[in-house]
Amino acid sequence: MNPLQFFEDLLLAMSIIMGFSINPMPRLLKPLTLIWIMATMVIGLSRAQPPASTAALDFPAGKNHTITLPNTVALDLVWIAPGTFTMGAPSLEDGSHEWERPQTVVTISKGFWLGKTPVTQGQYQAVMGNNPSRYVKAGLDAPVEMVSWHDAMKFCDGLTKQEQAAGRLPQGYAYTLPTEAQWEYACRAGTTGARYGNLDDIAWYAGNSGNSTHPVGQKKPNAFGLYDMIGNVSQWCSDWYSEKLPGGNVTDPVGPGSASYRVLRGGCWGDTPEICRSACRLANHPALHASLFGFRLALAPSR
């Protein structure tokens, strides 16, 4: 076929496909020529389309997910569906304090993922390249501790940049610390009492820890499938600390705009039962390192 004839056949094929004619009396194309031209156009159009992002497929809402950190270290995330709960403690709850009140009806309007366990020494080391923990002998599966709020956020920010560069983040989401409200909502997992189970069954605390952290996931999980929400290490949250809860009905609270301390939740290996409650609110300076403090990763809507 000469180039001129090919060009004429191409124009005619396009006119047939688009439903109009460029010639009042269009001649018939050779069947094989028409098929070849149409196949070439279809292939060319498909190649011209940008590749679809796989992030939405990798993180389908409503399903748990496992991410692979450097050195093939796994980190499990549990999907937490939106919902409404009552945050804080009633005045008759043993060990409760005024800074856990007034009880507040909180709506979590968007689902998010939360670490199945606190971040472990092995997971932290895979991302950050070091292990600052005091209780190294507890093993790489024990929660990382001796981390400040700033350290925890550096971990989250580093992982966000890594996963964004690889195209593995769902649109509008980032790795971060949970808000205080997200943390308590996930901890309670539909329960309304002081804890989501018997303390010895669910937590490492002063009464059973032997003054040390322990490998995560050895105690019973809550109804959402989250382990060590209470005990083992207190967990940093993203919020600045406020001396009281907002009260009333609120949606997606994020705490005050600024303050002196950041929120800690959950109690730790050295705490008494009064501290190891779903509503207990603690706080400390964001630059402080202690063997009591760890954190739990969230994959949540960008704030």
C-alpha atoms as a PDB file:
ATOM      1  CA  MET A   1       0.000   0.000   0.000  1.00  0.00           C
ATOM      2  CA  ASN A   2       1.394   3.415  -0.937  1.00  0.00           C
ATOM      3  CA  PRO A   3       1.445   6.218   1.719  1.00  0.00           C
ATOM      4  CA  LEU A   4      -1.235   8.290  -0.002  1.00  0.00           C
ATOM      5  CA  GLN A   5      -3.678   5.409  -0.141  1.00  0.00           C
ATOM      6  CA  PHE A   6      -2.977   4.571   3.500  1.00  0.00           C
ATOM      7  CA  PHE A   7      -3.728   8.159   4.532  1.00  0.00           C
ATOM      8  CA  GLU A   8      -6.972   8.181   2.565  1.00  0.00           C
ATOM      9  CA  ASP A   9      -8.004   4.869   4.125  1.00  0.00           C
ATOM     10  CA  LEU A  10      -7.175   6.204   7.589  1.00  0.00           C
ATOM     11  CA  LEU A  11      -9.373   9.267   7.092  1.00  0.00           C
ATOM     12  CA  LEU A  12     -12.186   7.108   5.786  1.00  0.00           C
ATOM     13  CA  ALA A  13     -11.897   4.704   8.711  1.00  0.00           C
ATOM     14  CA  MET A  14     -12.078   7.621  11.136  1.00  0.00           C
ATOM     15  CA  SER A  15     -15.155   8.992   9.391  1.00  0.00           C
ATOM     16  CA  ILE A  16     -16.878   5.617   9.603  1.00  0.00           C
ATOM     17  CA  ILE A  17     -16.070   5.266  13.297  1.00  0.00           C
ATOM     18  CA  MET A  18     -17.254   8.807  14.096  1.00  0.00           C
ATOM     19  CA  GLY A  19     -20.450   8.419  12.114  1.00  0.00           C
ATOM     20  CA  PHE A  20     -19.934  10.834   9.225  1.00  0.00           C
ATOM     21  CA  SER A  21     -18.434  10.753   5.734  1.00  0.00           C
ATOM     22  CA  ILE A  22     -15.711  12.930   4.238  1.00  0.00           C
ATOM     23  CA  ASN A  23     -16.672  11.818   0.742  1.00  0.00           C
ATOM     24  CA  PRO A  24     -20.178  11.812  -0.764  1.00  0.00           C
ATOM     25  CA  MET A  25     -19.377   8.498  -2.458  1.00  0.00           C
ATOM     26  CA  PRO A  26     -16.807   6.814  -0.167  1.00  0.00           C
ATOM     27  CA  ARG A  27     -15.115   3.882  -1.746  1.00  0.00           C
ATOM     28  CA  LEU A  28     -15.001   0.566   0.061  1.00  0.00           C
ATOM     29  CA  LEU A  29     -11.855  -0.253   1.959  1.00  0.00           C
ATOM     30  CA  LYS A  30     -10.193  -3.593   1.606  1.00  0.00           C
ATOM     31  CA  PRO A  31     -11.461  -5.548   4.658  1.00  0.00           C
ATOM     32  CA  LEU A  32      -7.996  -6.415   5.976  1.00  0.00           C
ATOM     33  CA  THR A  33      -6.859  -2.799   5.600  1.00  0.00           C
ATOM     34  CA  LEU A  34      -9.829  -1.503   7.605  1.00  0.00           C
ATOM     35  CA  ILE A  35      -9.316  -4.067  10.359  1.00  0.00           C
ATOM     36  CA  TRP A  36      -5.610  -3.235  10.581  1.00  0.00           C
ATOM     37  CA  ILE A  37      -6.263   0.515  10.762  1.00  0.00           C
ATOM     38  CA  MET A  38      -8.966   0.186  13.419  1.00  0.00           C
ATOM     39  CA  ALA A  39      -6.821  -2.168  15.530  1.00  0.00           C
ATOM     40  CA  THR A  40      -3.897   0.253  15.297  1.00  0.00           C
ATOM     41  CA  MET A  41      -6.096   3.141  16.453  1.00  0.00           C
ATOM     42  CA  VAL A  42      -7.500   1.183  19.404  1.00  0.00           C
ATOM     43  CA  ILE A  43      -4.035   0.100  20.546  1.00  0.00           C
ATOM     44  CA  GLY A  44      -2.724   3.636  20.181  1.00  0.00           C
ATOM     45  CA  LEU A  45      -5.593   5.087  22.192  1.00  0.00           C
ATOM     46  CA  SER A  46      -5.141   2.542  24.981  1.00  0.00           C
ATOM     47  CA  ARG A  47      -1.431   3.283  25.164  1.00  0.00           C
ATOM     48  CA  ALA A  48      -2.136   7.000  25.364  1.00  0.00           C
ATOM     49  CA  GLN A  49      -4.155   6.646  28.573  1.00  0.00           C
ATOM     50  CA  PRO A  50      -2.206   7.339  31.799  1.00  0.00           C
ATOM     51  CA  PRO A  51      -1.841   4.286  34.053  1.00  0.00           C
ATOM     52  CA  ALA A  52      -4.545   4.091  36.701  1.00  0.00           C
ATOM     53  CA  SER A  53      -3.410   4.469  40.298  1.00  0.00           C
ATOM     54  CA  THR A  54      -3.473   1.235  42.252  1.00  0.00           C
ATOM     55  CA  ALA A  55      -3.718   2.981  45.632  1.00  0.00           C
ATOM     56  CA  ALA A  56      -7.511   2.694  45.819  1.00  0.00           C
ATOM     57  CA  LEU A  57      -7.247  -1.001  45.007  1.00  0.00           C
ATOM     58  CA  ASP A  58      -4.453  -1.479  47.540  1.00  0.00           C
ATOM     59  CA  PHE A  59      -6.482   0.217  50.298  1.00  0.00           C
ATOM     60  CA  PRO A  60     -10.148  -0.684  49.792  1.00  0.00           C
ATOM     61  CA  ALA A  61     -12.274   0.965  52.464  1.00  0.00           C
ATOM     62  CA  GLY A  62     -13.724  -1.560  54.843  1.00  0.00           C
ATOM     63  CA  LYS A  63     -10.782  -3.950  54.718  1.00  0.00           C
ATOM     64  CA  ASN A  64      -7.694  -4.439  56.823  1.00  0.00           C
ATOM     65  CA  HIS A  65      -4.332  -4.011  55.150  1.00  0.00           C
ATOM     66  CA  THR A  66      -0.686  -4.949  55.629  1.00  0.00           C
ATOM     67  CA  ILE A  67       2.049  -2.588  54.504  1.00  0.00           C
ATOM     68  CA  THR A  68       5.606  -3.721  53.867  1.00  0.00           C
ATOM     69  CA  LEU A  69       8.303  -1.587  55.437  1.00  0.00           C
ATOM     70  CA  PRO A  70      11.966  -1.636  54.411  1.00  0.00           C
ATOM     71  CA  ASN A  71      13.693  -5.010  54.905  1.00  0.00           C
ATOM     72  CA  THR A  72      10.293  -6.705  54.305  1.00  0.00           C
ATOM     73  CA  VAL A  73       9.061  -5.861  57.810  1.00  0.00           C
ATOM     74  CA  ALA A  74       5.255  -6.039  57.924  1.00  0.00           C
ATOM     75  CA  LEU A  75       2.908  -3.619  59.689  1.00  0.00           C
ATOM     76  CA  ASP A  76      -0.785  -4.541  59.985  1.00  0.00           C
ATOM     77  CA  LEU A  77      -3.492  -1.880  59.750  1.00  0.00           C
ATOM     78  CA  VAL A  78      -7.086  -2.385  60.882  1.00  0.00           C
ATOM     79  CA  TRP A  79      -9.945  -0.544  59.168  1.00  0.00           C
ATOM     80  CA  ILE A  80     -11.993   1.550  61.614  1.00  0.00           C
ATOM     81  CA  ALA A  81     -15.393   2.443  60.180  1.00  0.00           C
ATOM     82  CA  PRO A  82     -17.053   5.822  60.845  1.00  0.00           C
ATOM     83  CA  GLY A  83     -19.377   6.048  63.809  1.00  0.00           C
ATOM     84  CA  THR A  84     -20.542   7.894  66.905  1.00  0.00           C
ATOM     85  CA  PHE A  85     -19.611   7.248  70.537  1.00  0.00           C
ATOM     86  CA  THR A  86     -19.558   8.909  73.943  1.00  0.00           C
ATOM     87  CA  MET A  87     -16.074  10.140  74.811  1.00  0.00           C
ATOM     88  CA  GLY A  88     -14.878  10.553  78.390  1.00  0.00           C
ATOM     89  CA  ALA A  89     -15.787   9.051  81.745  1.00  0.00           C
ATOM     90  CA  PRO A  90     -18.919   9.380  83.848  1.00  0.00           C
ATOM     91  CA  SER A  91     -18.421  10.851  87.311  1.00  0.00           C
ATOM     92  CA  LEU A  92     -19.034   7.469  88.993  1.00  0.00           C
ATOM     93  CA  GLU A  93     -16.296   5.616  87.080  1.00  0.00           C
ATOM     94  CA  ASP A  94     -13.591   4.433  89.495  1.00  0.00           C
ATOM     95  CA  GLY A  95     -10.329   6.320  89.083  1.00  0.00           C
ATOM     96  CA  SER A  96     -11.800   8.963  86.773  1.00  0.00           C
ATOM     97  CA  HIS A  97     -10.986  12.683  86.942  1.00  0.00           C
ATOM     98  CA  GLU A  98     -12.580  15.976  85.980  1.00  0.00           C
ATOM     99  CA  TRP A  99     -10.296  16.340  82.946  1.00  0.00           C
ATOM    100  CA  GLU A 100     -12.064  13.316  81.456  1.00  0.00           C
ATOM    101  CA  ARG A 101     -15.309  15.270  81.399  1.00  0.00           C
ATOM    102  CA  PRO A 102     -17.780  16.531  80.374  1.00  0.00           C
ATOM    103  CA  GLN A 103     -18.709  13.416  78.460  1.00  0.00           C
ATOM    104  CA  THR A 104     -18.973  14.346  74.799  1.00  0.00           C
ATOM    105  CA  VAL A 105     -20.883  12.737  71.946  1.00  0.00           C
ATOM    106  CA  VAL A 106     -18.334  12.454  69.145  1.00  0.00           C
ATOM    107  CA  THR A 107     -18.955  11.550  65.515  1.00  0.00           C
ATOM    108  CA  ILE A 108     -16.049  10.147  63.533  1.00  0.00           C
ATOM    109  CA  SER A 109     -17.262  11.024  60.038  1.00  0.00           C
ATOM    110  CA  LYS A 110     -14.580   9.302  57.966  1.00  0.00           C
ATOM    111  CA  GLY A 111     -13.141   5.851  58.302  1.00  0.00           C
ATOM    112  CA  PHE A 112      -9.435   5.378  58.903  1.00  0.00           C
ATOM    113  CA  TRP A 113      -6.865   2.652  59.437  1.00  0.00           C
ATOM    114  CA  LEU A 114      -5.118   2.103  62.760  1.00  0.00           C
ATOM    115  CA  GLY A 115      -2.152  -0.077  63.633  1.00  0.00           C
ATOM    116  CA  LYS A 116      -3.189  -3.497  64.878  1.00  0.00           C
ATOM    117  CA  THR A 117      -0.588  -3.046  67.611  1.00  0.00           C
ATOM    118  CA  PRO A 118       1.654  -0.256  68.823  1.00  0.00           C
ATOM    119  CA  VAL A 119       4.643   0.300  66.527  1.00  0.00           C
ATOM    120  CA  THR A 120       7.276  -2.280  67.419  1.00  0.00           C
ATOM    121  CA  GLN A 121      11.015  -1.902  67.811  1.00  0.00           C
ATOM    122  CA  GLY A 122      11.518  -3.789  64.563  1.00  0.00           C
ATOM    123  CA  GLN A 123       9.066  -1.616  62.631  1.00  0.00           C
ATOM    124  CA  TYR A 124      10.571   1.597  63.967  1.00  0.00           C
ATOM    125  CA  GLN A 125      14.084   0.449  63.132  1.00  0.00           C
ATOM    126  CA  ALA A 126      13.028  -0.513  59.594  1.00  0.00           C
ATOM    127  CA  VAL A 127      11.811   3.024  58.874  1.00  0.00           C
ATOM    128  CA  MET A 128      14.110   5.182  61.011  1.00  0.00           C
ATOM    129  CA  GLY A 129      17.298   3.123  60.995  1.00  0.00           C
ATOM    130  CA  ASN A 130      17.703   3.020  64.784  1.00  0.00           C
ATOM    131  CA  ASN A 131      16.108   1.535  67.878  1.00  0.00           C
ATOM    132  CA  PRO A 132      16.005   3.945  70.850  1.00  0.00           C
ATOM    133  CA  SER A 133      14.235   1.541  73.211  1.00  0.00           C
ATOM    134  CA  ARG A 134      15.317   0.894  76.764  1.00  0.00           C
ATOM    135  CA  TYR A 135      13.843  -2.595  76.781  1.00  0.00           C
ATOM    136  CA  VAL A 136      15.802  -4.005  73.848  1.00  0.00           C
ATOM    137  CA  LYS A 137      15.892  -7.400  75.564  1.00  0.00           C
ATOM    138  CA  ALA A 138      12.114  -7.588  75.198  1.00  0.00           C
ATOM    139  CA  GLY A 139      12.761  -8.167  71.487  1.00  0.00           C
ATOM    140  CA  LEU A 140      11.988  -6.531  68.161  1.00  0.00           C
ATOM    141  CA  ASP A 141       8.303  -7.475  68.560  1.00  0.00           C
ATOM    142  CA  ALA A 142       8.017  -5.426  71.748  1.00  0.00           C
ATOM    143  CA  PRO A 143       6.721  -1.871  71.361  1.00  0.00           C
ATOM    144  CA  VAL A 144       9.265   0.819  70.638  1.00  0.00           C
ATOM    145  CA  GLU A 145       9.642   3.261  73.543  1.00  0.00           C
ATOM    146  CA  MET A 146      11.902   6.129  74.508  1.00  0.00           C
ATOM    147  CA  VAL A 147      10.273   8.020  71.637  1.00  0.00           C
ATOM    148  CA  SER A 148       9.039  11.595  71.910  1.00  0.00           C
ATOM    149  CA  TRP A 149       5.977  12.941  70.154  1.00  0.00           C
ATOM    150  CA  HIS A 150       8.351  14.518  67.622  1.00  0.00           C
ATOM    151  CA  ASP A 151      10.020  11.144  67.001  1.00  0.00           C
ATOM    152  CA  ALA A 152       6.644   9.526  66.390  1.00  0.00           C
ATOM    153  CA  MET A 153       5.669  12.216  63.901  1.00  0.00           C
ATOM    154  CA  LYS A 154       9.001  11.875  62.072  1.00  0.00           C
ATOM    155  CA  PHE A 155       8.226   8.178  61.653  1.00  0.00           C
ATOM    156  CA  CYS A 156       4.765   8.995  60.280  1.00  0.00           C
ATOM    157  CA  ASP A 157       6.025  11.736  57.958  1.00  0.00           C
ATOM    158  CA  GLY A 158       8.855   9.572  56.643  1.00  0.00           C
ATOM    159  CA  LEU A 159       6.497   6.709  55.905  1.00  0.00           C
ATOM    160  CA  THR A 160       4.030   9.061  54.187  1.00  0.00           C
ATOM    161  CA  LYS A 161       6.745  10.394  51.856  1.00  0.00           C
ATOM    162  CA  GLN A 162       7.976   6.879  51.106  1.00  0.00           C
ATOM    163  CA  GLU A 163       4.526   5.541  50.266  1.00  0.00           C
ATOM    164  CA  GLN A 164       3.509   8.635  48.290  1.00  0.00           C
ATOM    165  CA  ALA A 165       6.617   8.295  46.126  1.00  0.00           C
ATOM    166  CA  ALA A 166       5.729   4.661  45.481  1.00  0.00           C
ATOM    167  CA  GLY A 167       2.085   5.513  44.657  1.00  0.00           C
ATOM    168  CA  ARG A 168       0.755   3.415  47.509  1.00  0.00           C
ATOM    169  CA  LEU A 169      -1.301   5.975  49.471  1.00  0.00           C
ATOM    170  CA  PRO A 170      -5.057   6.367  49.011  1.00  0.00           C
ATOM    171  CA  GLN A 171      -5.919   9.867  47.848  1.00  0.00           C
ATOM    172  CA  GLY A 172      -6.429  12.358  50.679  1.00  0.00           C
ATOM    173  CA  TYR A 173      -4.881  10.114  53.351  1.00  0.00           C
ATOM    174  CA  ALA A 174      -1.564  10.318  55.220  1.00  0.00           C
ATOM    175  CA  TYR A 175       0.251   8.376  57.909  1.00  0.00           C
ATOM    176  CA  THR A 176      -0.006  10.188  61.208  1.00  0.00           C
ATOM    177  CA  LEU A 177      -0.875   9.755  64.865  1.00  0.00           C
ATOM    178  CA  PRO A 178      -4.551   9.251  65.685  1.00  0.00           C
ATOM    179  CA  THR A 179      -6.461  12.123  67.193  1.00  0.00           C
ATOM    180  CA  GLU A 180      -7.458  11.654  70.807  1.00  0.00           C
ATOM    181  CA  ALA A 181     -11.050  11.085  69.683  1.00  0.00           C
ATOM    182  CA  GLN A 182     -10.044   8.528  67.052  1.00  0.00           C
ATOM    183  CA  TRP A 183      -7.936   6.730  69.643  1.00  0.00           C
ATOM    184  CA  GLU A 184     -10.726   6.459  72.234  1.00  0.00           C
ATOM    185  CA  TYR A 185     -13.303   5.494  69.600  1.00  0.00           C
ATOM    186  CA  ALA A 186     -11.019   2.677  68.422  1.00  0.00           C
ATOM    187  CA  CYS A 187     -10.129   1.642  71.971  1.00  0.00           C
ATOM    188  CA  ARG A 188     -13.716   1.355  73.116  1.00  0.00           C
ATOM    189  CA  ALA A 189     -14.774  -0.580  70.000  1.00  0.00           C
ATOM    190  CA  GLY A 190     -18.415  -0.158  70.952  1.00  0.00           C
ATOM    191  CA  THR A 191     -17.998  -0.638  74.709  1.00  0.00           C
ATOM    192  CA  THR A 192     -19.076   1.944  77.284  1.00  0.00           C
ATOM    193  CA  GLY A 193     -17.361   0.763  80.475  1.00  0.00           C
ATOM    194  CA  ALA A 194     -13.979   1.582  81.957  1.00  0.00           C
ATOM    195  CA  ARG A 195     -12.237  -0.985  79.722  1.00  0.00           C
ATOM    196  CA  TYR A 196     -13.039  -3.264  76.803  1.00  0.00           C
ATOM    197  CA  GLY A 197     -12.260  -6.370  78.883  1.00  0.00           C
ATOM    198  CA  ASN A 198     -10.761  -7.738  82.071  1.00  0.00           C
ATOM    199  CA  LEU A 199      -7.533  -5.827  82.722  1.00  0.00           C
ATOM    200  CA  ASP A 200      -5.282  -8.863  83.185  1.00  0.00           C
ATOM    201  CA  ASP A 201      -6.644 -10.379  79.989  1.00  0.00           C
ATOM    202  CA  ILE A 202      -6.080  -7.313  77.788  1.00  0.00           C
ATOM    203  CA  ALA A 203      -3.111  -5.400  79.170  1.00  0.00           C
ATOM    204  CA  TRP A 204       0.441  -5.399  80.515  1.00  0.00           C
ATOM    205  CA  TYR A 205       0.366  -3.056  83.527  1.00  0.00           C
ATOM    206  CA  ALA A 206       2.000  -2.684  86.935  1.00  0.00           C
ATOM    207  CA  GLY A 207       0.211  -5.762  88.263  1.00  0.00           C
ATOM    208  CA  ASN A 208       1.575  -8.245  85.710  1.00  0.00           C
ATOM    209  CA  SER A 209       4.326  -6.706  83.562  1.00  0.00           C
ATOM    210  CA  GLY A 210       7.371  -7.427  85.703  1.00  0.00           C
ATOM    211  CA  ASN A 211       8.463  -3.810  85.119  1.00  0.00           C
ATOM    212  CA  SER A 212       9.054  -4.233  81.405  1.00  0.00           C
ATOM    213  CA  THR A 213       7.353  -4.054  78.055  1.00  0.00           C
ATOM    214  CA  HIS A 214       6.333  -7.292  76.327  1.00  0.00           C
ATOM    215  CA  PRO A 215       5.975  -8.404  72.704  1.00  0.00           C
ATOM    216  CA  VAL A 216       2.786  -6.953  71.236  1.00  0.00           C
ATOM    217  CA  GLY A 217      -0.299  -9.013  70.508  1.00  0.00           C
ATOM    218  CA  GLN A 218      -0.024 -11.446  73.421  1.00  0.00           C
ATOM    219  CA  LYS A 219      -3.100 -10.199  75.265  1.00  0.00           C
ATOM    220  CA  LYS A 220      -6.697 -10.342  74.047  1.00  0.00           C
ATOM    221  CA  PRO A 221      -7.771  -7.799  71.395  1.00  0.00           C
ATOM    222  CA  ASN A 222     -10.837  -5.594  71.502  1.00  0.00           C
ATOM    223  CA  ALA A 223     -13.857  -6.054  69.242  1.00  0.00           C
ATOM    224  CA  PHE A 224     -12.130  -4.161  66.401  1.00  0.00           C
ATOM    225  CA  GLY A 225      -9.192  -6.562  66.493  1.00  0.00           C
ATOM    226  CA  LEU A 226      -6.747  -4.079  68.066  1.00  0.00           C
ATOM    227  CA  TYR A 227      -4.162  -5.296  70.571  1.00  0.00           C
ATOM    228  CA  ASP A 228      -2.501  -3.478  73.471  1.00  0.00           C
ATOM    229  CA  MET A 229      -4.774  -0.450  73.295  1.00  0.00           C
ATOM    230  CA  ILE A 230      -4.454  -0.427  77.068  1.00  0.00           C
ATOM    231  CA  GLY A 231      -1.125  -1.147  78.767  1.00  0.00           C
ATOM    232  CA  ASN A 232       2.377  -2.011  77.503  1.00  0.00           C
ATOM    233  CA  VAL A 233       3.163   1.581  76.399  1.00  0.00           C
ATOM    234  CA  SER A 234       1.207   4.819  76.617  1.00  0.00           C
ATOM    235  CA  GLN A 235       0.500   6.038  73.109  1.00  0.00           C
ATOM    236  CA  TRP A 236       1.019   9.537  71.741  1.00  0.00           C
ATOM    237  CA  CYS A 237      -1.943  11.169  69.997  1.00  0.00           C
ATOM    238  CA  SER A 238      -1.795  14.069  67.580  1.00  0.00           C
ATOM    239  CA  ASP A 239      -3.737  16.557  69.750  1.00  0.00           C
ATOM    240  CA  TRP A 240      -2.482  19.296  71.988  1.00  0.00           C
ATOM    241  CA  TYR A 241      -3.799  18.662  75.496  1.00  0.00           C
ATOM    242  CA  SER A 242      -6.878  20.463  76.771  1.00  0.00           C
ATOM    243  CA  GLU A 243      -7.820  20.344  80.461  1.00  0.00           C
ATOM    244  CA  LYS A 244     -11.365  19.304  79.631  1.00  0.00           C
ATOM    245  CA  LEU A 245     -13.375  17.713  76.858  1.00  0.00           C
ATOM    246  CA  PRO A 246     -15.508  19.982  74.636  1.00  0.00           C
ATOM    247  CA  GLY A 247     -18.898  18.660  75.758  1.00  0.00           C
ATOM    248  CA  GLY A 248     -22.083  18.532  73.698  1.00  0.00           C
ATOM    249  CA  ASN A 249     -22.005  16.993  70.232  1.00  0.00           C
ATOM    250  CA  VAL A 250     -18.934  17.378  68.029  1.00  0.00           C
ATOM    251  CA  THR A 251     -17.644  15.921  64.771  1.00  0.00           C
ATOM    252  CA  ASP A 252     -14.007  14.960  64.168  1.00  0.00           C
ATOM    253  CA  PRO A 253     -12.463  17.015  67.008  1.00  0.00           C
ATOM    254  CA  VAL A 254      -8.717  17.645  66.779  1.00  0.00           C
ATOM    255  CA  GLY A 255      -8.033  19.388  70.094  1.00  0.00           C
ATOM    256  CA  PRO A 256      -6.920  22.969  70.735  1.00  0.00           C
ATOM    257  CA  GLY A 257      -4.823  24.914  68.254  1.00  0.00           C
ATOM    258  CA  SER A 258      -1.867  25.105  70.632  1.00  0.00           C
ATOM    259  CA  ALA A 259      -0.869  24.254  74.195  1.00  0.00           C
ATOM    260  CA  SER A 260       2.152  23.085  76.170  1.00  0.00           C
ATOM    261  CA  TYR A 261       1.640  19.320  76.124  1.00  0.00           C
ATOM    262  CA  ARG A 262       0.583  16.558  73.760  1.00  0.00           C
ATOM    263  CA  VAL A 263      -1.961  13.867  74.635  1.00  0.00           C
ATOM    264  CA  LEU A 264      -1.003  10.346  75.709  1.00  0.00           C
ATOM    265  CA  ARG A 265      -3.505   7.516  76.012  1.00  0.00           C
ATOM    266  CA  GLY A 266      -3.808   3.927  77.186  1.00  0.00           C
ATOM    267  CA  GLY A 267      -1.530   3.593  80.202  1.00  0.00           C
ATOM    268  CA  CYS A 268       1.624   1.478  80.226  1.00  0.00           C
ATOM    269  CA  TRP A 269       3.545  -1.406  81.790  1.00  0.00           C
ATOM    270  CA  GLY A 270       4.196   0.646  84.953  1.00  0.00           C
ATOM    271  CA  ASP A 271       0.708   2.078  85.510  1.00  0.00           C
ATOM    272  CA  THR A 272      -1.986   1.179  88.021  1.00  0.00           C
ATOM    273  CA  PRO A 273      -5.493   0.061  87.032  1.00  0.00           C
ATOM    274  CA  GLU A 274      -6.817   3.599  87.549  1.00  0.00           C
ATOM    275  CA  ILE A 275      -4.672   4.785  84.628  1.00  0.00           C
ATOM    276  CA  CYS A 276      -5.393   1.793  82.409  1.00  0.00           C
ATOM    277  CA  ARG A 277      -8.877   2.819  81.308  1.00  0.00           C
ATOM    278  CA  SER A 278     -10.391   3.730  77.914  1.00  0.00           C
ATOM    279  CA  ALA A 279     -11.182   7.300  79.034  1.00  0.00           C
ATOM    280  CA  CYS A 280      -7.989   8.078  80.942  1.00  0.00           C
ATOM    281  CA  ARG A 281      -6.252  11.174  79.570  1.00  0.00           C
ATOM    282  CA  LEU A 282      -2.546  11.796  80.099  1.00  0.00           C
ATOM    283  CA  ALA A 283      -0.209  14.398  78.624  1.00  0.00           C
ATOM    284  CA  ASN A 284       3.443  15.322  78.479  1.00  0.00           C
ATOM    285  CA  HIS A 285       5.904  17.578  76.738  1.00  0.00           C
ATOM    286  CA  PRO A 286       6.251  16.584  73.059  1.00  0.00           C
ATOM    287  CA  ALA A 287      10.060  16.523  73.287  1.00  0.00           C
ATOM    288  CA  LEU A 288      10.157  14.147  76.274  1.00  0.00           C
ATOM    289  CA  HIS A 289      11.565  10.618  75.852  1.00  0.00           C
ATOM    290  CA  ALA A 290      10.560   7.923  78.332  1.00  0.00           C
ATOM    291  CA  SER A 291      10.407   4.137  78.447  1.00  0.00           C
ATOM    292  CA  LEU A 292       6.690   4.535  79.204  1.00  0.00           C
ATOM    293  CA  PHE A 293       5.859   6.170  75.852  1.00  0.00           C
ATOM    294  CA  GLY A 294       5.257   4.622  72.456  1.00  0.00           C
ATOM    295  CA  PHE A 295       2.783   5.205  69.637  1.00  0.00           C
ATOM    296  CA  ARG A 296       0.380   3.593  67.205  1.00  0.00           C
ATOM    297  CA  LEU A 297       0.299   4.391  63.496  1.00  0.00           C
ATOM    298  CA  ALA A 298      -2.818   5.777  61.839  1.00  0.00           C
ATOM    299  CA  LEU A 299      -3.622   6.140  58.163  1.00  0.00           C
ATOM    300  CA  ALA A 300      -6.220   8.874  58.281  1.00  0.00           C
ATOM    301  CA  PRO A 301      -7.697  11.693  56.194  1.00  0.00           C
ATOM    302  CA  SER A 302      -5.130  14.470  55.859  1.00  0.00           C
ATOM    303  CA  ARG A 303      -5.594  17.213  58.434  1.00  0.00           C
END
